[in-house]
């Protein structure tokens, strides 16, 4: 294990081929962003409660539909390459993938249609800004940032022409992704934790 960690520290640019060879301790997780490895802390209780309720509501809405929801840990290779030389692998809290060809045995091959990240003490505003830019660049259609502390959601919808529309949802009422008409998330249940 120490040898694998030392090798990661010595190498400056990683690919998916490197990433999938790492032998990690139970619960140890990493993301790759443009070849740089970032350790991920385990989510806390509130994070898990919010994530679980969001996933339940989203998956229930998608039942019987072609789009599928996936929850972390689930590798999303945003800039997928067949030769495994792509260098960006993230693990969003929740992803929705509508293109069946993107759902592979190892995770998502390309940009999901929808990505949701939940803030916690271990993921900073800098990380969220970096991911905002990654998701936009990769072609994600909609990105939500959920803050369990303030009980709020910030929604970003990216259009093909580069325009970005934003919406904010508070702790009451319902939140509806623009990408999935008819889906309504009951925020009282989400933030009850």
Foldseek 3Di string as FASTA:
>chain_A
DVVLVVVLVPDAFDFQVNVVPGDDDVPWDWWFDRRRIDTDHDDDDLQVLLLVQVQVLVQVVCVPHQKHKDAPPFWAQAAADPVRRRGGIDGARMFIARPPVQQDPRHGGHAGQEGEHEDDPRQDPVNVVSVVVSNLVRPHQKYWYAYLVQLKIKIWGADPVGDIDIDMDHQQDWDDDPVDPPRTRGSVSSNVD
